[in-house]
Amino acid sequence: MSSKDIFTSLVRVKGDENHKVISVKSNNPIEKELWAEFSKVLSRIYVSTPINIGDIICKNIMNTGIDIICTKKVNDNF
């Protein structure tokens, strides 16, 4: 039996000197066996500011029906 939990990770931020990464999580629990693959997918993603809590970073990641959402608010520097 596989165990499930909320997946958490970091995604890189593009073009913001004050924020290099931003925290993200899955919107539903996922099998822990998929965490390594999810991490590989997210390592290729960059996000731009501004970004808000709850914004979808990656919709339907790996066709699992799971969305990866932002857990921190970052404003533009302007």
Protein backbone atom coordinates (compact mmCIF):
# COMPACT_ATOMS: atom_id res chain seq x y z
CA MET A 1 0.00 0.00 0.00
CA SER A 2 1.42 3.38 -0.99
CA SER A 3 1.29 6.29 1.39
CA LYS A 4 0.07 9.73 0.37
CA ASP A 5 0.89 13.19 1.63
CA ILE A 6 0.89 16.81 0.46
CA PHE A 7 3.94 17.37 -1.75
CA THR A 8 5.95 20.53 -1.00
CA SER A 9 8.83 21.97 -2.97
CA LEU A 10 10.48 25.13 -4.29
CA VAL A 11 10.25 26.71 -7.74
CA ARG A 12 12.75 29.23 -9.07
CA VAL A 13 11.74 32.86 -9.57
CA LYS A 14 12.88 34.66 -12.71
CA GLY A 15 14.03 38.28 -12.68
CA ASP A 16 13.61 39.11 -8.97
CA GLU A 17 16.75 39.97 -7.02
CA ASN A 18 15.01 39.62 -3.64
CA HIS A 19 13.41 36.23 -4.27
CA LYS A 20 15.32 33.38 -5.90
CA VAL A 21 12.78 30.64 -5.06
CA ILE A 22 9.17 30.41 -3.96
CA SER A 23 7.46 27.67 -1.97
CA VAL A 24 4.80 25.51 -3.62
CA LYS A 25 2.64 22.52 -2.67
CA SER A 26 0.24 20.06 -4.23
CA ASN A 27 -3.48 20.83 -3.92
CA ASN A 28 -4.18 17.20 -2.89
CA PRO A 29 -2.18 14.38 -1.31
CA ILE A 30 -0.13 12.35 -3.78
CA GLU A 31 1.70 9.02 -3.63
CA LYS A 32 5.18 9.49 -2.22
CA GLU A 33 6.57 7.33 -5.04
CA LEU A 34 5.81 10.23 -7.44
CA TRP A 35 7.65 12.89 -5.44
CA ALA A 36 10.99 12.44 -7.23
CA GLU A 37 9.33 12.75 -10.65
CA PHE A 38 7.37 15.83 -9.51
CA SER A 39 10.63 17.39 -8.33
CA LYS A 40 12.24 16.82 -11.74
CA VAL A 41 9.32 18.52 -13.50
CA LEU A 42 9.36 21.50 -11.12
CA SER A 43 13.14 21.92 -11.47
CA ARG A 44 12.53 23.04 -15.07
CA ILE A 45 9.94 25.68 -14.14
CA TYR A 46 10.55 29.38 -13.52
CA VAL A 47 7.84 31.78 -12.33
CA SER A 48 7.63 35.56 -12.64
CA THR A 49 6.46 38.04 -10.01
CA PRO A 50 3.98 39.20 -8.88
CA ILE A 51 2.55 35.94 -7.61
CA ASN A 52 -0.10 35.24 -4.99
CA ILE A 53 -0.91 32.46 -2.56
CA GLY A 54 -3.04 29.90 -4.38
CA ASP A 55 -1.82 30.76 -7.88
CA ILE A 56 -1.43 27.61 -9.97
CA ILE A 57 2.23 27.04 -10.90
CA CYS A 58 1.73 23.75 -12.75
CA LYS A 59 -1.75 22.53 -13.68
CA ASN A 60 -2.39 18.78 -13.89
CA ILE A 61 1.26 17.86 -13.28
CA MET A 62 2.24 14.67 -15.11
CA ASN A 63 -1.44 14.10 -16.00
CA THR A 64 -2.22 13.18 -12.38
CA GLY A 65 -5.04 15.70 -11.94
CA ILE A 66 -2.94 17.39 -9.26
CA ASP A 67 -2.16 21.12 -9.42
CA ILE A 68 0.96 22.65 -7.88
CA ILE A 69 0.04 25.92 -6.16
CA CYS A 70 2.03 28.79 -4.70
CA THR A 71 2.16 29.13 -0.90
CA LYS A 72 3.72 32.60 -0.68
CA LYS A 73 2.84 36.06 -1.99
CA VAL A 74 5.61 37.95 -3.81
CA ASN A 75 5.04 41.44 -5.21
CA ASP A 76 6.89 43.16 -8.02
CA ASN A 77 9.87 45.25 -6.98
CA PHE A 78 8.55 48.27 -8.87
